[in-house]
Amino acid sequence: MSAALAQCLVKFMSGWMYVTWRKQVTMRLHKDYFADITYYDINALEKKTVDNPDQRIAQDVDRFCNNFCNQLAAQVIVTPFVVAYYTYKCWKSVGYYGPALVYTYFGFGAVINRLIMTPIVRLVFGQEKLEGNFRFQHVQFRNHAETVAFYRSGKTEQTRIGHIFKKLLGVQWRLVKWNLALNWAIGLFAYLGSILSYLIVALGVFATQRFVSMSASEISVTLSENSFLVLYLISSFSTLISLSGTISDVAGFTHRVGQLLESINSASEKKKKASEDKYTKLSSDTEAFRLVGVSYGPRGNQRILVNDLSLSIEEKRNILITGKTGCGKSSLFRVINGLWNPFRGEVERLISRSPENYLVLPQRPFFVCGNLRAQVTYPLSMEDSSVDERIHRALSMACVDYLVERVGGLDHDYEPLTEDFVSVGEMQKLGFARLFFFMPKFAFLDEATSAMDEESEERLYRTCCDHKITLISISHRSSIRKFHHAELHLSGNGQWRLDEIESHSNDQSEL
């Protein structure tokens, strides 16, 4: 009864430790990972160093906590006390040489296991990396299934993903072989340990004279007690040695989680040194961003896309950014918004970062799991019904108010938006609904109307101008030129040109 209760309590404590540890580790990672734009640095800029951060947080932390708490914790906590107790009892029964031989034997075994475990840890690390890549490829295939179907390229994807799977199986097969060696070593040391116990008891018989005066029955009882003590001490060490496989797995997961944490801390330190989250007080009532002698290019090489750019972004002065593909237009948005650091020069942000001050609308807006309310009010979370009127007005201004009926109301949860549910053009209009909900002073539009017809595009741009939203637009369409005051043309070889746009229609005078 007592033994059964003790076992239940041990399992309960292991489960409690697992849940508590996973909570603490995951929340710590989340706190640093989602701070500022560290997640962007990890996913976009440090992906060569840290693969699959989502897997490390969601899966590797779970497996680390589960393996340690449910398989290692009880043994690691209890076994040392058992070893200490039976070391003392063995020393009292057979002398110092008994524990000395056991410690020497298993010290040698620990060294052998350590040599075998080292490649296993590396293989576990590599296996988890390939598992993440394999899963990511399936997710990517699922997200682009329609495009693949248009190409009828299922066989190609099967071959490509199959190649990654073969690499994964290769690592797993090597891991199986190394685990065979580890398990053989564990079993061998356990088997030879039983022989060692007879040797220690035999030495006690022949090396001491205390058995001379004992009767046969007394000798039998003493030898039985000594054998039990020595065997239990050896068994305790064998228990620790047998945990080598689990320790190898835990070490592999620890390496992956630790590497992610180091990268997060490194990215946070870089942000602190760069002081990107600070902004200068407004020197005027209209200026929001000031670029002084800025040179920038792709991350990871020294190719300069734009050289020595000086630009002022101020209210009521809409700027159109043009140039060939790859000339650095979207990269300029990254530099202005602090995602990238320029090679040279200074970017001064003269306005605080908030959706009421400025928003960025990319070509493909990001939508979260949830309801229509969450899509419109993102990046904030506004569950208060007092903003319903603003939401409906924003949807109407973006000409997508019919989506309320399609999804079943503002608060009806549904799966993430996909092209099966809304078109890319409707997604872009929802992005404008988000813009009209917050009505910021500035809007950065990166091909934000590329999937719309020209009539819808003109209506949305005119609405922005009517509500005095200052626009910084990237577009290849000449139809929106009339809504801007200046054109920044990027050549892609470091050269740039800023020209005033002459009025070509009555629309220009209304801006």
Protein backbone atom coordinates (compact mmCIF):
# COMPACT_ATOMS: atom_id res chain seq x y z
CA MET A 1 0.00 0.00 0.00
CA SER A 2 2.73 2.46 1.01
CA ALA A 3 4.88 1.50 -1.98
CA ALA A 4 1.96 2.02 -4.37
CA LEU A 5 1.20 5.41 -2.83
CA ALA A 6 4.86 6.41 -3.08
CA GLN A 7 4.99 5.46 -6.76
CA CYS A 8 1.85 7.48 -7.46
CA LEU A 9 3.30 10.49 -5.67
CA VAL A 10 6.54 10.21 -7.64
CA LYS A 11 4.60 10.13 -10.94
CA PHE A 12 2.46 13.04 -9.79
CA MET A 13 5.51 15.12 -8.88
CA SER A 14 7.13 14.26 -12.22
CA GLY A 15 3.99 15.41 -14.05
CA TRP A 16 3.81 18.58 -11.98
CA MET A 17 7.47 19.34 -12.70
CA TYR A 18 6.92 18.73 -16.43
CA VAL A 19 3.99 21.15 -16.67
CA THR A 20 5.69 23.77 -14.48
CA TRP A 21 9.02 23.59 -16.27
CA ARG A 22 7.44 23.75 -19.71
CA LYS A 23 5.39 26.76 -18.64
CA GLN A 24 8.40 28.60 -17.23
CA VAL A 25 10.78 27.84 -20.11
CA THR A 26 8.22 28.59 -22.84
CA MET A 27 7.05 31.82 -21.21
CA ARG A 28 10.66 32.95 -20.80
CA LEU A 29 11.37 32.25 -24.48
CA HIS A 30 8.13 33.95 -25.54
CA LYS A 31 8.90 37.03 -23.47
CA ASP A 32 12.28 37.58 -25.15
CA TYR A 33 11.30 36.20 -28.57
CA PHE A 34 8.32 38.55 -29.04
CA ALA A 35 10.10 41.58 -27.52
CA ASP A 36 10.55 44.47 -29.97
CA ILE A 37 11.31 42.75 -33.32
CA THR A 38 13.62 39.99 -32.04
CA TYR A 39 11.38 37.41 -33.76
CA TYR A 40 12.11 39.13 -37.08
CA ASP A 41 15.87 39.01 -36.52
CA ILE A 42 15.69 35.31 -35.63
CA ASN A 43 13.45 34.27 -38.53
CA ALA A 44 14.69 36.58 -41.28
CA LEU A 45 18.26 37.48 -40.40
CA GLU A 46 19.55 34.62 -38.22
CA LYS A 47 17.92 31.66 -39.96
CA LYS A 48 21.33 30.25 -40.95
CA THR A 49 22.24 30.07 -37.26
CA VAL A 50 18.89 29.06 -35.78
CA ASP A 51 16.69 26.75 -37.83
CA ASN A 52 12.97 26.32 -37.12
CA PRO A 53 12.54 28.52 -34.01
CA ASP A 54 8.87 27.51 -33.98
CA GLN A 55 9.83 23.85 -33.55
CA ARG A 56 12.34 24.66 -30.82
CA ILE A 57 9.75 26.56 -28.79
CA ALA A 58 6.74 24.31 -29.43
CA GLN A 59 8.33 20.85 -29.62
CA ASP A 60 11.92 20.77 -28.36
CA VAL A 61 11.04 22.49 -25.07
CA ASP A 62 8.19 20.02 -24.59
CA ARG A 63 10.39 16.98 -25.24
CA PHE A 64 13.19 18.32 -23.06
CA CYS A 65 10.83 18.89 -20.11
CA ASN A 66 9.02 15.58 -20.64
CA ASN A 67 12.18 13.46 -20.88
CA PHE A 68 13.89 15.14 -17.97
CA CYS A 69 10.95 15.29 -15.57
CA ASN A 70 9.26 11.97 -16.38
CA GLN A 71 12.31 9.81 -17.08
CA LEU A 72 15.33 11.40 -15.40
CA ALA A 73 14.18 13.49 -12.47
CA ALA A 74 13.12 10.73 -10.07
CA GLN A 75 16.23 8.63 -10.77
CA VAL A 76 18.61 11.60 -10.66
CA ILE A 77 17.16 12.84 -7.37
CA VAL A 78 16.79 9.51 -5.55
CA THR A 79 19.71 7.42 -6.85
CA PRO A 80 22.57 9.56 -5.42
CA PHE A 81 21.14 9.12 -1.91
CA VAL A 82 20.83 5.37 -2.46
CA VAL A 83 24.42 5.22 -3.75
CA ALA A 84 25.70 7.17 -0.74
CA TYR A 85 23.84 4.93 1.71
CA TYR A 86 24.99 1.64 0.19
CA THR A 87 28.53 2.93 -0.25
CA TYR A 88 28.67 3.40 3.51
CA LYS A 89 27.08 0.00 4.20
CA CYS A 90 29.40 -1.74 1.72
CA TRP A 91 32.47 -0.06 3.23
CA LYS A 92 31.41 -1.19 6.71
CA SER A 93 30.80 -4.78 5.50
CA VAL A 94 33.67 -5.57 3.12
CA GLY A 95 36.08 -2.68 3.68
CA TYR A 96 37.22 0.27 1.58
CA TYR A 97 38.29 -1.82 -1.42
CA GLY A 98 34.67 -2.83 -2.17
CA PRO A 99 33.32 0.69 -2.86
CA ALA A 100 36.67 1.64 -4.43
CA LEU A 101 36.43 -1.14 -7.02
CA VAL A 102 32.78 -0.31 -7.79
CA TYR A 103 33.54 3.42 -8.24
CA THR A 104 36.57 2.67 -10.43
CA TYR A 105 34.62 0.24 -12.58
CA PHE A 106 31.70 2.57 -13.20
CA GLY A 107 33.99 5.57 -13.60
CA PHE A 108 35.55 3.73 -16.51
CA GLY A 109 32.04 2.89 -17.78
CA ALA A 110 31.01 6.56 -17.57
CA VAL A 111 34.01 7.56 -19.71
CA ILE A 112 33.12 4.95 -22.36
CA ASN A 113 29.49 6.07 -22.35
CA ARG A 114 30.57 9.70 -22.63
CA LEU A 115 32.55 8.91 -25.77
CA ILE A 116 29.56 7.14 -27.31
CA MET A 117 27.07 9.81 -26.23
CA THR A 118 28.93 12.69 -27.89
CA PRO A 119 28.01 11.73 -31.48
CA ILE A 120 24.49 10.79 -30.34
CA VAL A 121 23.91 14.33 -29.03
CA ARG A 122 25.02 15.74 -32.39
CA LEU A 123 22.77 13.32 -34.24
CA VAL A 124 19.76 14.17 -32.05
CA PHE A 125 20.40 17.85 -32.81
CA GLY A 126 20.61 17.14 -36.54
CA GLN A 127 17.56 14.88 -36.47
CA GLU A 128 15.41 17.59 -34.90
CA LYS A 129 16.64 20.13 -37.45
CA LEU A 130 15.69 17.84 -40.34
CA GLU A 131 12.36 16.99 -38.68
CA GLY A 132 11.59 20.71 -38.62
CA ASN A 133 12.59 21.16 -42.26
CA PHE A 134 10.52 18.14 -43.29
CA ARG A 135 7.45 19.48 -41.50
CA PHE A 136 8.01 22.99 -42.88
CA GLN A 137 8.10 21.69 -46.45
CA HIS A 138 4.74 19.98 -45.94
CA VAL A 139 3.26 23.19 -44.48
CA GLN A 140 4.63 25.20 -47.40
CA PHE A 141 3.20 22.67 -49.85
CA ARG A 142 -0.20 22.87 -48.13
CA ASN A 143 -0.20 26.69 -48.27
CA HIS A 144 0.63 26.66 -51.99
CA ALA A 145 -1.36 23.59 -53.00
CA GLU A 146 -3.38 25.53 -55.58
CA THR A 147 -0.27 26.88 -57.31
CA VAL A 148 1.22 23.38 -57.38
CA ALA A 149 -2.05 22.08 -58.82
CA PHE A 150 -1.92 24.66 -61.62
CA TYR A 151 1.59 23.45 -62.47
CA ARG A 152 0.56 19.80 -62.04
CA SER A 153 3.87 19.46 -60.20
CA GLY A 154 2.88 16.98 -57.51
CA LYS A 155 5.55 14.49 -58.62
CA THR A 156 8.19 17.21 -58.49
CA GLU A 157 7.18 18.12 -54.95
CA GLN A 158 7.13 14.45 -54.01
CA THR A 159 10.71 14.09 -55.24
CA ARG A 160 11.88 17.29 -53.53
CA ILE A 161 10.25 16.54 -50.17
CA GLY A 162 11.27 12.88 -50.51
CA HIS A 163 14.91 13.97 -50.79
CA ILE A 164 14.63 15.82 -47.47
CA PHE A 165 12.93 12.78 -45.94
CA LYS A 166 15.78 10.52 -47.10
CA LYS A 167 18.29 12.81 -45.40
CA LEU A 168 16.21 12.60 -42.23
CA LEU A 169 16.10 8.79 -42.42
CA GLY A 170 19.86 8.71 -42.95
CA VAL A 171 20.44 10.63 -39.72
CA GLN A 172 17.93 8.46 -37.87
CA TRP A 173 19.63 5.28 -39.12
CA ARG A 174 23.01 6.52 -37.86
CA LEU A 175 21.32 7.36 -34.57
CA VAL A 176 19.92 3.81 -34.36
CA LYS A 177 23.42 2.36 -34.88
CA TRP A 178 25.01 4.58 -32.25
CA ASN A 179 22.19 3.74 -29.84
CA LEU A 180 22.95 0.07 -30.48
CA ALA A 181 26.53 0.67 -29.36
CA LEU A 182 25.34 2.63 -26.34
CA ASN A 183 22.81 0.00 -25.30
CA TRP A 184 25.41 -2.75 -25.77
CA ALA A 185 27.83 -0.85 -23.52
CA ILE A 186 25.11 -0.33 -20.89
CA GLY A 187 24.14 -4.01 -20.94
CA LEU A 188 27.77 -5.14 -20.87
CA PHE A 189 28.61 -3.05 -17.84
CA ALA A 190 25.49 -4.25 -16.04
CA TYR A 191 26.39 -7.89 -16.77
CA LEU A 192 30.05 -7.53 -15.80
CA GLY A 193 28.92 -5.65 -12.70
CA SER A 194 27.33 -8.82 -11.34
CA ILE A 195 30.66 -10.66 -11.84
CA LEU A 196 32.41 -7.80 -10.05
CA SER A 197 30.18 -8.34 -7.01
CA TYR A 198 31.40 -11.95 -6.67
CA LEU A 199 35.00 -10.76 -6.96
CA ILE A 200 34.51 -8.22 -4.17
CA VAL A 201 32.86 -10.78 -1.88
CA ALA A 202 35.63 -13.31 -2.66
CA LEU A 203 38.29 -10.75 -1.77
CA GLY A 204 36.50 -10.24 1.54
CA VAL A 205 36.76 -13.96 2.24
CA PHE A 206 40.42 -14.41 1.34
CA ALA A 207 41.82 -11.05 2.38
CA THR A 208 40.48 -10.99 5.93
CA GLN A 209 40.62 -13.42 8.85
CA ARG A 210 37.25 -12.61 10.34
CA PHE A 211 35.56 -15.65 8.79
CA VAL A 212 37.97 -18.09 10.53
CA SER A 213 36.10 -18.11 13.82
CA MET A 214 32.62 -18.22 12.25
CA SER A 215 30.46 -21.26 11.85
CA ALA A 216 29.30 -22.37 8.44
CA SER A 217 25.82 -20.93 8.98
CA GLU A 218 27.26 -17.57 10.14
CA ILE A 219 29.59 -17.42 7.12
CA SER A 220 26.65 -18.12 4.82
CA VAL A 221 24.54 -15.34 6.36
CA THR A 222 27.45 -12.83 6.25
CA LEU A 223 28.33 -13.63 2.63
CA SER A 224 24.66 -13.29 1.67
CA GLU A 225 24.42 -9.88 3.35
CA ASN A 226 27.68 -8.69 1.76
CA SER A 227 26.59 -9.90 -1.67
CA PHE A 228 23.30 -8.06 -1.33
CA LEU A 229 24.98 -4.77 -0.33
CA VAL A 230 27.56 -4.95 -3.12
CA LEU A 231 24.95 -5.95 -5.72
CA TYR A 232 22.64 -3.12 -4.67
CA LEU A 233 25.46 -0.58 -4.91
CA ILE A 234 26.35 -1.89 -8.37
CA SER A 235 22.67 -1.89 -9.33
CA SER A 236 22.35 1.76 -8.29
CA PHE A 237 25.28 2.70 -10.53
CA SER A 238 23.84 0.58 -13.32
CA THR A 239 20.60 2.55 -13.04
CA LEU A 240 22.51 5.78 -13.64
CA ILE A 241 24.45 4.27 -16.54
CA SER A 242 21.23 2.98 -18.13
CA LEU A 243 19.95 6.57 -18.32
CA SER A 244 22.64 7.42 -20.88
CA GLY A 245 20.22 7.14 -23.81
CA THR A 246 17.73 9.50 -22.23
CA ILE A 247 20.51 11.86 -21.18
CA SER A 248 21.71 11.97 -24.81
CA ASP A 249 18.25 12.99 -26.00
CA VAL A 250 17.89 15.60 -23.25
CA ALA A 251 21.34 16.99 -24.11
CA GLY A 252 20.35 17.31 -27.77
CA PHE A 253 17.15 19.19 -26.91
CA THR A 254 19.04 21.32 -24.39
CA HIS A 255 21.52 22.29 -27.10
CA ARG A 256 18.75 23.37 -29.47
CA VAL A 257 16.80 25.34 -26.86
CA GLY A 258 20.00 26.87 -25.48
CA GLN A 259 21.14 27.93 -28.95
CA LEU A 260 17.80 29.65 -29.54
CA LEU A 261 18.03 31.45 -26.20
CA GLU A 262 21.59 32.60 -26.98
CA SER A 263 20.48 33.95 -30.37
CA ILE A 264 17.53 35.75 -28.79
CA ASN A 265 19.79 37.36 -26.19
CA SER A 266 22.32 38.30 -28.86
CA ALA A 267 19.62 39.91 -31.03
CA SER A 268 18.27 41.80 -28.00
CA GLU A 269 21.73 43.13 -27.16
CA LYS A 270 22.22 44.34 -30.74
CA LYS A 271 18.92 46.17 -30.55
CA LYS A 272 19.90 47.85 -27.29
CA LYS A 273 23.22 49.01 -28.75
CA ALA A 274 21.55 50.28 -31.92
CA SER A 275 18.90 52.10 -29.80
CA GLU A 276 16.40 51.61 -32.58
CA ASP A 277 13.40 51.90 -30.34
CA LYS A 278 14.19 55.47 -29.36
CA TYR A 279 12.90 58.41 -31.29
CA THR A 280 13.86 62.07 -31.41
CA LYS A 281 11.40 64.72 -30.39
CA LEU A 282 9.70 66.41 -33.26
CA SER A 283 11.68 69.33 -34.60
CA SER A 284 8.56 70.46 -36.47
CA ASP A 285 4.86 69.70 -36.45
CA THR A 286 4.95 67.86 -39.77
CA GLU A 287 8.19 65.87 -40.11
CA ALA A 288 8.04 62.19 -39.13
CA PHE A 289 11.20 60.53 -40.55
CA ARG A 290 14.54 61.96 -41.60
CA LEU A 291 17.22 60.04 -43.51
CA VAL A 292 20.67 61.61 -43.60
CA GLY A 293 23.35 60.12 -45.88
CA VAL A 294 21.84 56.64 -45.67
CA SER A 295 23.42 53.77 -47.63
CA TYR A 296 21.92 50.30 -47.48
CA GLY A 297 21.80 46.96 -49.23
CA PRO A 298 20.85 43.30 -48.74
CA ARG A 299 21.74 41.73 -45.41
CA GLY A 300 24.71 39.39 -45.52
CA ASN A 301 26.71 41.16 -48.24
CA GLN A 302 28.13 44.59 -48.94
CA ARG A 303 26.30 45.28 -52.20
CA ILE A 304 24.92 48.82 -52.00
CA LEU A 305 21.45 49.31 -53.45
CA VAL A 306 21.07 52.96 -52.47
CA ASN A 307 23.97 55.23 -51.63
CA ASP A 308 23.98 58.44 -49.56
CA LEU A 309 20.21 58.93 -49.52
CA SER A 310 18.87 62.01 -47.77
CA LEU A 311 15.12 62.22 -47.46
CA SER A 312 12.53 63.89 -45.27
CA ILE A 313 9.10 62.32 -44.79
CA GLU A 314 6.56 64.86 -43.59
CA GLU A 315 2.83 65.26 -43.40
CA LYS A 316 0.82 66.25 -46.48
CA ARG A 317 3.66 65.29 -48.80
CA ASN A 318 2.93 61.97 -50.48
CA ILE A 319 5.95 60.21 -51.95
CA LEU A 320 5.89 57.58 -54.69
CA ILE A 321 8.86 55.18 -54.73
CA THR A 322 9.62 53.61 -58.10
CA GLY A 323 12.31 51.50 -59.70
CA LYS A 324 12.98 48.11 -61.17
CA THR A 325 12.49 44.91 -59.20
CA GLY A 326 15.37 44.38 -56.76
CA CYS A 327 16.44 48.03 -56.67
CA GLY A 328 15.78 48.38 -52.93
CA LYS A 329 12.25 49.80 -52.68
CA SER A 330 10.93 47.39 -50.01
CA SER A 331 14.36 47.44 -48.37
CA LEU A 332 13.93 51.19 -47.89
CA PHE A 333 10.77 50.52 -45.87
CA ARG A 334 12.75 48.05 -43.74
CA VAL A 335 15.45 50.66 -43.10
CA ILE A 336 12.94 53.42 -42.29
CA ASN A 337 11.02 51.19 -39.88
CA GLY A 338 14.12 49.91 -38.09
CA LEU A 339 14.08 46.31 -39.35
CA TRP A 340 17.45 46.79 -41.05
CA ASN A 341 20.37 48.93 -40.01
CA PRO A 342 21.92 51.01 -42.83
CA PHE A 343 25.56 50.50 -43.79
CA ARG A 344 26.15 54.20 -43.32
CA GLY A 345 24.16 57.26 -42.39
CA GLU A 346 21.43 57.88 -39.87
CA VAL A 347 17.69 57.28 -39.75
CA GLU A 348 15.86 59.56 -37.35
CA ARG A 349 12.37 58.53 -36.33
CA LEU A 350 10.62 61.69 -35.19
CA ILE A 351 7.29 60.12 -34.34
CA SER A 352 6.38 57.44 -31.81
CA ARG A 353 5.61 53.94 -33.03
CA SER A 354 1.88 53.28 -32.83
CA PRO A 355 -0.89 52.36 -35.30
CA GLU A 356 -2.40 55.80 -34.75
CA ASN A 357 0.79 57.40 -36.07
CA TYR A 358 1.76 55.10 -38.93
CA LEU A 359 0.97 51.71 -40.44
CA VAL A 360 2.64 49.56 -43.05
CA LEU A 361 0.51 47.70 -45.59
CA PRO A 362 2.53 45.01 -47.40
CA GLN A 363 1.52 43.38 -50.67
CA ARG A 364 0.06 40.42 -48.78
CA PRO A 365 -1.33 41.52 -45.39
CA PHE A 366 -0.96 39.31 -42.33
CA PHE A 367 -4.19 37.94 -40.87
CA VAL A 368 -4.52 36.09 -37.59
CA CYS A 369 -6.70 33.20 -36.49
CA GLY A 370 -9.87 34.59 -35.02
CA ASN A 371 -12.81 36.75 -36.04
CA LEU A 372 -13.28 39.66 -38.38
CA ARG A 373 -13.00 42.12 -35.49
CA ALA A 374 -9.48 40.83 -34.78
CA GLN A 375 -8.46 41.33 -38.43
CA VAL A 376 -9.58 44.95 -38.57
CA THR A 377 -8.22 46.01 -35.16
CA TYR A 378 -4.85 44.27 -35.57
CA PRO A 379 -2.16 44.88 -34.26
CA LEU A 380 -4.21 45.82 -31.20
CA SER A 381 -6.82 43.61 -29.56
CA MET A 382 -10.15 45.41 -29.13
CA GLU A 383 -12.96 43.18 -27.90
CA ASP A 384 -15.08 46.12 -26.70
CA SER A 385 -18.30 46.45 -28.71
CA SER A 386 -17.96 50.23 -28.48
CA VAL A 387 -15.66 50.13 -31.52
CA ASP A 388 -18.16 48.17 -33.66
CA GLU A 389 -19.31 51.31 -35.44
CA ARG A 390 -15.72 52.22 -36.32
CA ILE A 391 -15.11 48.69 -37.62
CA HIS A 392 -18.22 48.73 -39.82
CA ARG A 393 -17.31 52.17 -41.13
CA ALA A 394 -13.76 51.04 -41.93
CA LEU A 395 -15.04 47.97 -43.78
CA SER A 396 -17.48 50.11 -45.73
CA MET A 397 -14.77 52.61 -46.69
CA ALA A 398 -12.64 49.70 -47.95
CA CYS A 399 -15.66 48.30 -49.86
CA VAL A 400 -15.57 44.92 -48.07
CA ASP A 401 -18.49 45.40 -45.65
CA TYR A 402 -20.17 42.39 -47.30
CA LEU A 403 -17.62 40.15 -45.57
CA VAL A 404 -19.49 40.64 -42.27
CA GLU A 405 -22.38 38.59 -43.63
CA ARG A 406 -20.08 36.07 -45.32
CA VAL A 407 -18.25 35.18 -42.09
CA GLY A 408 -21.33 35.35 -39.85
CA GLY A 409 -20.65 38.56 -37.96
CA LEU A 410 -17.72 40.43 -36.44
CA ASP A 411 -17.25 37.94 -33.60
CA HIS A 412 -17.64 34.64 -35.44
CA ASP A 413 -14.37 32.70 -35.30
CA TYR A 414 -13.11 31.02 -38.45
CA GLU A 415 -9.95 29.53 -39.85
CA PRO A 416 -7.13 31.80 -41.09
CA LEU A 417 -7.99 33.67 -44.27
CA THR A 418 -7.00 31.77 -47.40
CA GLU A 419 -7.50 32.29 -51.10
CA ASP A 420 -10.27 29.69 -50.95
CA PHE A 421 -12.21 32.03 -48.67
CA VAL A 422 -11.28 35.51 -49.92
CA SER A 423 -9.31 36.63 -52.95
CA VAL A 424 -5.91 38.31 -52.69
CA GLY A 425 -7.58 41.57 -53.73
CA GLU A 426 -10.09 41.24 -50.88
CA MET A 427 -7.21 40.57 -48.49
CA GLN A 428 -5.60 43.81 -49.61
CA LYS A 429 -8.88 45.67 -49.13
CA LEU A 430 -9.10 44.26 -45.60
CA GLY A 431 -5.64 45.72 -45.07
CA PHE A 432 -7.07 49.12 -46.05
CA ALA A 433 -9.99 48.52 -43.66
CA ARG A 434 -7.37 48.15 -40.94
CA LEU A 435 -5.82 51.40 -42.14
CA PHE A 436 -9.15 53.25 -42.10
CA PHE A 437 -9.95 51.92 -38.63
CA PHE A 438 -6.85 53.54 -37.11
CA MET A 439 -6.65 56.54 -39.49
CA PRO A 440 -2.91 57.04 -38.92
CA LYS A 441 -1.02 60.14 -39.96
CA PHE A 442 1.24 58.12 -42.28
CA ALA A 443 0.78 54.96 -44.33
CA PHE A 444 3.55 52.96 -45.99
CA LEU A 445 2.00 51.05 -48.91
CA ASP A 446 4.20 48.35 -50.46
CA GLU A 447 2.36 47.24 -53.60
CA ALA A 448 -0.72 47.26 -51.37
CA THR A 449 -3.14 47.47 -54.32
CA SER A 450 -1.33 45.20 -56.80
CA ALA A 451 -4.14 42.61 -56.84
CA MET A 452 -6.96 45.15 -57.24
CA ASP A 453 -8.56 46.62 -60.30
CA GLU A 454 -7.66 50.24 -61.07
CA GLU A 455 -11.11 51.54 -60.10
CA SER A 456 -10.84 50.05 -56.57
CA GLU A 457 -7.26 51.25 -56.29
CA GLU A 458 -8.19 54.83 -57.19
CA ARG A 459 -11.15 54.81 -54.78
CA LEU A 460 -8.96 53.67 -51.86
CA TYR A 461 -6.17 56.14 -52.63
CA ARG A 462 -8.66 58.98 -52.92
CA THR A 463 -10.20 57.98 -49.57
CA CYS A 464 -6.73 58.11 -47.96
CA CYS A 465 -6.15 61.58 -49.39
CA ASP A 466 -9.60 62.80 -48.33
CA HIS A 467 -8.78 61.79 -44.74
CA LYS A 468 -5.36 63.46 -44.83
CA ILE A 469 -3.37 60.23 -44.53
CA THR A 470 0.14 60.92 -45.83
CA LEU A 471 1.15 58.16 -48.26
CA ILE A 472 4.56 56.66 -48.97
CA SER A 473 3.82 54.24 -51.79
CA ILE A 474 5.73 51.58 -53.67
CA SER A 475 4.07 50.74 -56.96
CA HIS A 476 4.76 49.90 -60.59
CA ARG A 477 1.44 51.40 -61.71
CA SER A 478 1.43 54.89 -63.18
CA SER A 479 -2.27 55.27 -62.33
CA ILE A 480 -1.52 56.25 -58.71
CA ARG A 481 1.11 58.84 -59.67
CA LYS A 482 -1.48 61.63 -59.52
CA PHE A 483 -2.01 61.04 -55.80
CA HIS A 484 1.61 61.91 -54.91
CA HIS A 485 3.65 65.07 -54.67
CA ALA A 486 7.12 63.63 -55.26
CA GLU A 487 8.72 60.59 -56.87
CA LEU A 488 11.80 58.87 -55.45
CA HIS A 489 13.29 56.77 -58.23
CA LEU A 490 15.85 54.11 -57.28
CA SER A 491 18.23 52.80 -59.93
CA GLY A 492 19.49 49.79 -57.96
CA ASN A 493 23.18 50.62 -58.46
CA GLY A 494 23.38 53.13 -55.64
CA GLN A 495 21.91 56.01 -57.63
CA TRP A 496 18.64 57.71 -56.74
CA ARG A 497 16.65 60.73 -57.85
CA LEU A 498 13.94 62.74 -56.10
CA ASP A 499 11.66 64.73 -58.40
CA GLU A 500 8.58 66.81 -57.81
CA ILE A 501 5.49 65.51 -59.60
CA GLU A 502 3.79 68.12 -61.73
CA SER A 503 0.01 68.32 -61.66
CA HIS A 504 -1.52 66.28 -64.49
CA SER A 505 -5.12 66.49 -63.32
CA ASN A 506 -7.42 68.29 -60.96
CA ASP A 507 -6.84 65.45 -58.48
CA GLN A 508 -3.34 66.71 -57.78
CA SER A 509 -4.53 70.10 -56.60
CA GLU A 510 -6.90 68.45 -54.16
CA LEU A 511 -4.17 66.55 -52.29
